[in-house]
Amino acid sequence: MRYVTAGESHGRALVAIVSDVPAGVPLDAAAIDRDLARRQHGYGRGGRMAIERDAVQILSGVRFGRTIGSPVALVIANRDWDQWLDVMAVSGEPNPRARVTAPRPGHADLAGVLRIGADDVRDVLERASARETAARVAAGAVAKSLLAELGVRVVSFVTRIGGVALETEPDPREVDQSAVDGSPVRCPDEGVSAAMQAEIDAARADGESLGGVFVVAAVGVVPGLGGYAEAGQRLDARIGSAILSIPAIKGVEIGDGFASASRPGSAVHDSILYEEGRGIVRPTNRAGGIEGGMTNGEPVVVRAAMKPIPTLMRPLPSVDLDTMKPVDAAKERSDVCAVPAAAVVAEAELAMVLADAYQDAFGRRSVAEMREALERFRDGLPR
């Protein structure tokens, strides 16, 4: 299973096409809309979220609530497009007064125009905008629905915003996702959540933006997904690539990640035990559910660091691409903090990687076929 998206931030719509979808996956627009709403919510979001009310239209690949084995096409309209017809028209001549020539530090602006030879930063920023991730969330909802049919649950929560951090992370198996979503910053601790909101308020008052850290995890994953024999099979590499593809993500770790570098091996690796009735178990999950490029039966736990949004209300210095003289960087309508939203996008990315890995292991034609193969595999595991 894989996806491709199209659409600009202020264009007519965002489009996602999910291919290699097995037949029999339950899918309805309301379920996708719930994930789209979760992506839009969060303390620190900007004015765009007050305009858009993201809702998906399923164009193909679904009949009477279930996929039929053909590509699933999804469309999310941009309500704001009506206000941008003169800037984002698909034909005619551009308005020279609408050009953007002051690239923002930290954004795709400068590198993008240098790459394609454009004289208007908007040619780049419209597609590089994180608005595109709404289409990813819609695509990921297809993968999450397949995983749910196979007994896998994908969760996420925020552990840090700016200087405020959660001291102890909960076990993903015990996370109440509805309670997390009830927090304005998607943090499972009420006290820390309040402190994070205060941190965002202070940044907003100072014209600043904030980054943070979130955890995304998959619970109920069987062992053996991925592979060890070739680099492209290694599941941790595929997960890392997917999460790093989300705009503003600058670091990814699986399990204890970077902390493992400062500890001895006995404090890093997870002992292997056997319990009657349960089979092979692990007392810890420092590996984050992946060893040797494969899942080991524990929850897959991924932690990601998001940098602050590059659009600042007090812009950093830049240069005008026409004159090469100093100017303030351009300003676009933006968020103060989007870490809670990025965690929802990461759910979609992790789900897509895992759904594809399940198909590699258990078949691609239908959910029924995959369930049968999965049960045979489970029956062969040590008890």
Protein backbone atom coordinates (compact mmCIF):
# COMPACT_ATOMS: atom_id res chain seq x y z
CA MET A 1 0.00 0.00 0.00
CA ARG A 2 1.29 3.45 -0.88
CA TYR A 3 -0.04 6.93 -1.59
CA VAL A 4 0.57 9.97 -3.71
CA THR A 5 -0.86 13.42 -3.03
CA ALA A 6 -1.44 16.52 -5.14
CA GLY A 7 -2.63 20.04 -4.48
CA GLU A 8 -1.41 23.40 -3.22
CA SER A 9 -2.08 25.12 0.07
CA HIS A 10 -4.41 27.70 -1.49
CA GLY A 11 -5.40 25.68 -4.55
CA ARG A 12 -8.84 24.25 -5.26
CA ALA A 13 -8.34 21.01 -3.34
CA LEU A 14 -5.97 18.39 -1.98
CA VAL A 15 -6.00 14.96 -3.55
CA ALA A 16 -4.73 11.60 -2.30
CA ILE A 17 -4.63 8.38 -4.29
CA VAL A 18 -3.94 5.22 -2.29
CA SER A 19 -2.94 2.26 -4.43
CA ASP A 20 -2.48 -1.46 -3.75
CA VAL A 21 -5.39 -1.40 -1.30
CA PRO A 22 -6.74 -4.91 -0.56
CA ALA A 23 -10.43 -5.62 -0.97
CA GLY A 24 -12.65 -5.66 2.09
CA VAL A 25 -11.23 -2.80 4.15
CA PRO A 26 -14.08 -0.97 5.94
CA LEU A 27 -13.95 2.70 4.99
CA ASP A 28 -16.36 5.59 5.35
CA ALA A 29 -15.94 9.31 5.01
CA ALA A 30 -16.96 10.01 8.62
CA ALA A 31 -14.04 7.98 9.98
CA ILE A 32 -11.59 9.84 7.76
CA ASP A 33 -13.13 13.17 8.74
CA ARG A 34 -12.51 12.39 12.41
CA ASP A 35 -8.79 12.07 11.75
CA LEU A 36 -8.84 15.23 9.63
CA ALA A 37 -10.46 17.09 12.55
CA ARG A 38 -7.82 15.73 14.95
CA ARG A 39 -5.11 17.13 12.66
CA GLN A 40 -6.78 20.56 12.62
CA HIS A 41 -7.21 20.88 16.38
CA GLY A 42 -4.56 21.87 18.87
CA TYR A 43 -3.58 24.85 20.96
CA GLY A 44 -1.37 27.21 18.97
CA ARG A 45 -2.91 26.65 15.54
CA GLY A 46 -3.28 29.65 13.27
CA GLY A 47 -6.10 31.45 11.44
CA ARG A 48 -6.24 28.95 8.56
CA MET A 49 -7.78 26.36 10.88
CA ALA A 50 -10.64 28.76 11.61
CA ILE A 51 -11.42 28.86 7.89
CA GLU A 52 -11.06 25.23 6.84
CA ARG A 53 -13.39 22.48 8.01
CA ASP A 54 -11.70 19.56 6.36
CA ALA A 55 -14.02 16.90 5.00
CA VAL A 56 -13.16 14.13 2.56
CA GLN A 57 -14.98 13.00 -0.55
CA ILE A 58 -14.31 9.40 -1.57
CA LEU A 59 -14.24 9.26 -5.36
CA SER A 60 -13.27 5.67 -6.11
CA GLY A 61 -12.19 2.32 -4.76
CA VAL A 62 -15.01 1.94 -2.22
CA ARG A 63 -18.42 0.31 -2.66
CA PHE A 64 -21.02 0.11 0.09
CA GLY A 65 -18.50 0.97 2.79
CA ARG A 66 -15.70 -1.43 1.81
CA THR A 67 -12.73 -1.22 -0.54
CA ILE A 68 -12.98 -3.28 -3.71
CA GLY A 69 -9.29 -3.80 -4.51
CA SER A 70 -8.82 -0.77 -6.77
CA PRO A 71 -7.07 2.53 -5.99
CA VAL A 72 -8.87 4.74 -3.48
CA ALA A 73 -9.13 8.37 -4.58
CA LEU A 74 -9.80 11.01 -1.92
CA VAL A 75 -10.43 14.76 -2.27
CA ILE A 76 -10.39 17.48 0.40
CA ALA A 77 -11.65 20.86 -0.79
CA ASN A 78 -9.88 24.06 0.27
CA ARG A 79 -12.56 26.50 1.36
CA ASP A 80 -9.98 29.31 1.32
CA TRP A 81 -9.43 28.87 -2.42
CA ASP A 82 -12.25 31.28 -3.25
CA GLN A 83 -10.20 34.10 -1.73
CA TRP A 84 -7.09 33.22 -3.76
CA LEU A 85 -8.45 32.97 -7.31
CA ASP A 86 -6.33 35.87 -8.56
CA VAL A 87 -3.16 34.41 -7.03
CA MET A 88 -3.65 30.67 -7.67
CA ALA A 89 -5.45 30.65 -11.03
CA VAL A 90 -4.51 27.72 -13.27
CA SER A 91 -4.59 29.88 -16.41
CA GLY A 92 -4.03 33.47 -17.49
CA GLU A 93 -1.20 35.80 -16.51
CA PRO A 94 0.17 36.19 -12.95
CA ASN A 95 -0.28 39.41 -11.02
CA PRO A 96 3.26 40.82 -10.57
CA ARG A 97 2.19 42.55 -7.34
CA ALA A 98 1.38 39.15 -5.80
CA ARG A 99 4.91 37.79 -6.17
CA VAL A 100 6.79 36.68 -3.05
CA THR A 101 10.51 37.47 -3.23
CA ALA A 102 11.66 37.34 0.41
CA PRO A 103 12.30 33.66 1.31
CA ARG A 104 11.77 32.56 4.90
CA PRO A 105 14.72 31.03 6.77
CA GLY A 106 13.96 27.44 7.71
CA HIS A 107 11.39 26.92 4.96
CA ALA A 108 11.68 25.34 1.50
CA ASP A 109 11.43 28.83 -0.03
CA LEU A 110 15.02 29.59 -1.00
CA ALA A 111 16.27 26.09 -1.78
CA GLY A 112 13.11 25.50 -3.81
CA VAL A 113 13.38 28.53 -6.08
CA LEU A 114 17.08 27.81 -6.59
CA ARG A 115 16.18 24.25 -7.53
CA ILE A 116 13.49 25.03 -10.13
CA GLY A 117 14.66 28.47 -11.27
CA ALA A 118 11.47 30.28 -10.19
CA ASP A 119 11.28 34.03 -9.62
CA ASP A 120 8.29 33.75 -7.27
CA VAL A 121 8.63 31.92 -3.97
CA ARG A 122 4.91 31.07 -4.09
CA ASP A 123 5.67 28.48 -6.77
CA VAL A 124 7.45 26.56 -4.02
CA LEU A 125 5.77 27.48 -0.75
CA GLU A 126 2.27 26.52 -1.90
CA ARG A 127 3.25 22.87 -2.28
CA ALA A 128 5.88 22.78 0.49
CA SER A 129 3.26 24.02 2.97
CA ALA A 130 2.22 21.59 5.69
CA ARG A 131 -1.35 22.01 4.42
CA GLU A 132 -0.47 19.05 2.16
CA THR A 133 -0.41 16.78 5.21
CA ALA A 134 -4.22 16.82 5.35
CA ALA A 135 -4.13 14.59 2.26
CA ARG A 136 -1.63 12.30 4.00
CA VAL A 137 -3.94 11.96 6.99
CA ALA A 138 -6.79 10.97 4.67
CA ALA A 139 -4.58 8.40 2.95
CA GLY A 140 -3.35 7.11 6.31
CA ALA A 141 -6.92 6.53 7.44
CA VAL A 142 -7.16 3.78 4.82
CA ALA A 143 -4.06 2.10 6.26
CA LYS A 144 -5.30 2.51 9.84
CA SER A 145 -8.58 0.85 8.93
CA LEU A 146 -6.74 -2.13 7.45
CA LEU A 147 -4.52 -2.41 10.54
CA ALA A 148 -7.56 -2.30 12.82
CA GLU A 149 -8.93 -5.34 10.96
CA LEU A 150 -5.65 -7.10 11.79
CA GLY A 151 -5.70 -6.18 15.48
CA VAL A 152 -3.33 -3.19 15.37
CA ARG A 153 -4.03 0.17 17.02
CA VAL A 154 -2.03 3.33 16.22
CA VAL A 155 -1.78 6.03 18.91
CA SER A 156 0.14 9.25 19.46
CA PHE A 157 0.73 11.85 22.15
CA VAL A 158 2.88 14.94 22.72
CA THR A 159 5.73 14.81 25.25
CA ARG A 160 7.36 18.22 24.80
CA ILE A 161 6.48 21.70 23.59
CA GLY A 162 9.31 24.21 23.83
CA GLY A 163 10.83 23.99 27.29
CA VAL A 164 7.94 22.07 28.88
CA ALA A 165 8.20 18.28 28.85
CA LEU A 166 6.42 15.22 30.18
CA GLU A 167 8.72 13.56 32.72
CA THR A 168 7.43 10.01 32.32
CA GLU A 169 5.97 8.66 29.11
CA PRO A 170 3.02 6.28 29.41
CA ASP A 171 3.11 2.76 28.01
CA PRO A 172 1.43 3.03 24.57
CA ARG A 173 -0.68 -0.01 25.45
CA GLU A 174 -2.26 2.00 28.26
CA VAL A 175 -2.84 5.24 26.36
CA ASP A 176 -6.46 6.39 26.18
CA GLN A 177 -6.44 8.09 22.78
CA SER A 178 -9.77 9.82 23.36
CA ALA A 179 -8.41 11.36 26.56
CA VAL A 180 -5.26 12.47 24.75
CA ASP A 181 -7.36 14.05 22.01
CA GLY A 182 -9.30 15.87 24.72
CA SER A 183 -6.15 17.76 25.68
CA PRO A 184 -5.65 21.01 23.72
CA VAL A 185 -2.02 19.99 23.14
CA ARG A 186 -2.64 16.21 23.01
CA CYS A 187 -0.57 15.60 26.15
CA PRO A 188 -1.73 12.78 28.49
CA ASP A 189 -0.89 14.74 31.67
CA GLU A 190 -3.30 17.58 32.58
CA GLY A 191 -0.75 19.58 34.56
CA VAL A 192 1.90 19.38 31.86
CA SER A 193 -0.76 20.17 29.26
CA ALA A 194 -1.59 23.42 31.04
CA ALA A 195 2.09 24.37 31.24
CA MET A 196 2.49 23.69 27.52
CA GLN A 197 -0.41 26.01 26.73
CA ALA A 198 1.19 28.75 28.83
CA GLU A 199 4.44 28.22 26.89
CA ILE A 200 2.55 28.68 23.63
CA ASP A 201 0.85 31.83 24.93
CA ALA A 202 4.23 33.32 25.82
CA ALA A 203 5.63 32.50 22.38
CA ARG A 204 2.62 34.03 20.65
CA ALA A 205 2.98 37.23 22.67
CA ASP A 206 6.64 37.41 21.67
CA GLY A 207 6.03 36.79 17.96
CA GLU A 208 7.77 33.43 18.22
CA SER A 209 6.97 29.84 17.24
CA LEU A 210 7.64 26.58 19.10
CA GLY A 211 8.58 23.03 18.27
CA GLY A 212 8.46 19.91 20.38
CA VAL A 213 8.51 16.14 20.58
CA PHE A 214 5.78 13.55 20.11
CA VAL A 215 5.47 9.78 20.31
CA VAL A 216 3.62 7.67 17.77
CA ALA A 217 3.18 3.97 18.44
CA ALA A 218 1.52 0.86 17.06
CA VAL A 219 0.11 -1.68 19.52
CA GLY A 220 -0.68 -5.29 18.64
CA VAL A 221 1.93 -5.72 15.91
CA VAL A 222 3.05 -9.29 15.22
CA PRO A 223 6.76 -10.19 15.19
CA GLY A 224 8.70 -10.66 11.97
CA LEU A 225 7.47 -7.74 9.84
CA GLY A 226 10.25 -6.18 7.81
CA GLY A 227 13.49 -8.01 7.12
CA TYR A 228 17.17 -8.33 7.92
CA ALA A 229 18.62 -9.67 4.65
CA GLU A 230 18.59 -6.47 2.57
CA ALA A 231 18.73 -2.79 3.43
CA GLY A 232 15.41 -1.99 1.76
CA GLN A 233 13.61 -4.58 3.87
CA ARG A 234 14.57 -3.07 7.21
CA LEU A 235 11.42 -1.70 8.79
CA ASP A 236 13.14 0.88 10.99
CA ALA A 237 14.66 2.47 7.87
CA ARG A 238 11.26 2.65 6.20
CA ILE A 239 9.64 4.12 9.31
CA GLY A 240 12.40 6.69 9.74
CA SER A 241 12.06 7.79 6.12
CA ALA A 242 8.28 8.13 6.41
CA ILE A 243 8.33 10.19 9.60
CA LEU A 244 11.15 12.43 8.37
CA SER A 245 9.09 13.19 5.26
CA ILE A 246 6.67 15.21 7.42
CA PRO A 247 7.45 18.94 7.15
CA ALA A 248 9.52 20.36 10.05
CA ILE A 249 10.51 16.95 11.48
CA LYS A 250 14.26 17.08 12.15
CA GLY A 251 14.90 13.98 14.24
CA VAL A 252 13.46 10.48 14.65
CA GLU A 253 14.31 7.70 17.08
CA ILE A 254 12.87 4.25 17.66
CA GLY A 255 12.64 3.07 21.24
CA ASP A 256 15.28 4.64 23.45
CA GLY A 257 17.15 5.86 20.37
CA PHE A 258 19.84 8.40 21.20
CA ALA A 259 19.71 7.64 24.92
CA SER A 260 21.05 4.15 24.10
CA ALA A 261 24.36 5.66 23.02
CA SER A 262 25.27 6.65 26.60
CA ARG A 263 24.28 3.39 28.34
CA PRO A 264 25.95 -0.02 28.62
CA GLY A 265 24.48 -2.88 26.66
CA SER A 266 22.90 -4.47 29.71
CA ALA A 267 20.82 -1.32 30.18
CA VAL A 268 19.84 -1.08 26.51
CA HIS A 269 18.79 -4.51 25.27
CA ASP A 270 15.52 -6.18 26.26
CA SER A 271 15.77 -9.55 28.01
CA ILE A 272 13.91 -12.49 26.47
CA LEU A 273 11.68 -14.46 28.86
CA TYR A 274 9.11 -17.19 28.57
CA GLU A 275 5.81 -17.28 30.46
CA GLU A 276 3.41 -20.20 30.45
CA GLY A 277 0.30 -19.25 28.53
CA ARG A 278 1.83 -16.09 27.07
CA GLY A 279 4.89 -17.44 25.31
CA ILE A 280 7.94 -15.26 24.71
CA VAL A 281 7.74 -11.93 26.52
CA ARG A 282 9.94 -8.89 27.15
CA PRO A 283 10.06 -7.14 30.54
CA THR A 284 11.13 -3.89 28.80
CA ASN A 285 10.76 -2.34 25.35
CA ARG A 286 13.87 -0.21 24.98
CA ALA A 287 14.20 -1.34 21.35
CA GLY A 288 10.85 0.22 20.53
CA GLY A 289 9.50 -3.01 19.10
CA ILE A 290 12.11 -3.40 16.36
CA GLU A 291 15.27 -5.51 16.37
CA GLY A 292 17.43 -6.29 13.36
CA GLY A 293 15.11 -4.41 11.03
CA MET A 294 12.05 -6.44 12.09
CA THR A 295 9.20 -6.14 14.56
CA ASN A 296 9.68 -8.29 17.66
CA GLY A 297 6.10 -8.42 18.93
CA GLU A 298 6.34 -5.46 21.31
CA PRO A 299 4.66 -2.12 20.53
CA VAL A 300 6.44 -0.17 17.81
CA VAL A 301 7.39 3.12 19.50
CA VAL A 302 8.70 6.08 17.49
CA ARG A 303 9.69 9.47 18.87
CA ALA A 304 10.07 12.53 16.62
CA ALA A 305 11.42 16.05 17.10
CA MET A 306 9.68 18.90 15.31
CA LYS A 307 11.40 22.24 14.82
CA PRO A 308 9.50 25.53 15.32
CA ILE A 309 7.35 26.76 12.43
CA PRO A 310 9.56 28.92 10.15
CA THR A 311 6.95 31.67 9.63
CA LEU A 312 7.47 34.22 12.42
CA MET A 313 5.39 37.27 13.26
CA ARG A 314 8.72 38.98 13.93
CA PRO A 315 10.45 37.83 10.73
CA LEU A 316 14.13 36.95 10.56
CA PRO A 317 16.45 38.75 8.10
CA SER A 318 16.33 37.64 4.48
CA VAL A 319 17.19 39.07 1.06
CA ASP A 320 14.94 40.23 -1.75
CA LEU A 321 15.54 37.86 -4.66
CA ASP A 322 15.06 40.70 -7.17
CA THR A 323 17.50 43.18 -5.65
CA MET A 324 19.58 40.99 -3.28
CA LYS A 325 19.15 43.71 -0.67
CA PRO A 326 18.30 42.97 2.98
CA VAL A 327 14.60 42.63 3.83
CA ASP A 328 12.47 40.94 6.45
CA ALA A 329 11.38 37.42 5.50
CA ALA A 330 7.89 37.04 4.06
CA LYS A 331 4.98 36.30 6.37
CA GLU A 332 2.23 33.79 5.64
CA ARG A 333 -0.73 32.97 7.85
CA SER A 334 0.74 30.38 10.19
CA ASP A 335 0.68 28.54 13.51
CA VAL A 336 2.57 29.26 16.70
CA CYS A 337 2.85 25.54 17.38
CA ALA A 338 1.76 22.54 15.30
CA VAL A 339 3.31 19.66 17.26
CA PRO A 340 -0.08 18.10 18.19
CA ALA A 341 -1.10 18.13 14.51
CA ALA A 342 2.22 16.64 13.38
CA ALA A 343 1.65 13.69 15.72
CA VAL A 344 -1.61 12.90 13.92
CA VAL A 345 0.19 13.07 10.57
CA ALA A 346 2.80 10.68 11.97
CA GLU A 347 0.03 8.21 12.80
CA ALA A 348 -0.85 8.17 9.11
CA GLU A 349 2.76 7.69 8.02
CA LEU A 350 3.45 4.88 10.52
CA ALA A 351 0.18 3.17 9.59
CA MET A 352 1.03 3.27 5.88
CA VAL A 353 4.45 1.65 6.45
CA LEU A 354 3.01 -1.04 8.71
CA ALA A 355 0.06 -1.75 6.41
CA ASP A 356 2.47 -2.33 3.54
CA ALA A 357 4.64 -4.57 5.75
CA TYR A 358 1.60 -6.64 6.71
CA GLN A 359 0.77 -7.02 3.01
CA ASP A 360 4.33 -8.15 2.31
CA ALA A 361 3.93 -10.84 4.95
CA PHE A 362 0.31 -11.93 4.60
CA GLY A 363 -0.92 -11.09 1.10
CA ARG A 364 -2.33 -8.18 -0.85
CA ARG A 365 -5.58 -9.33 -2.40
CA SER A 366 -8.13 -9.09 0.40
CA VAL A 367 -8.60 -8.60 4.12
CA ALA A 368 -10.03 -12.13 4.37
CA GLU A 369 -6.89 -13.62 2.81
CA MET A 370 -4.66 -11.56 5.11
CA ARG A 371 -6.59 -12.63 8.22
CA GLU A 372 -6.31 -16.31 7.32
CA ALA A 373 -2.56 -16.06 6.71
CA LEU A 374 -2.10 -14.07 9.90
CA GLU A 375 -3.93 -16.69 11.98
CA ARG A 376 -1.77 -19.46 10.52
CA PHE A 377 1.31 -17.44 11.43
CA ARG A 378 0.08 -16.82 14.97
CA ASP A 379 -0.70 -20.51 15.42
CA GLY A 380 2.93 -21.31 14.65
CA LEU A 381 4.37 -18.95 17.27
CA PRO A 382 5.79 -20.44 20.49
CA ARG A 383 3.21 -20.67 23.30
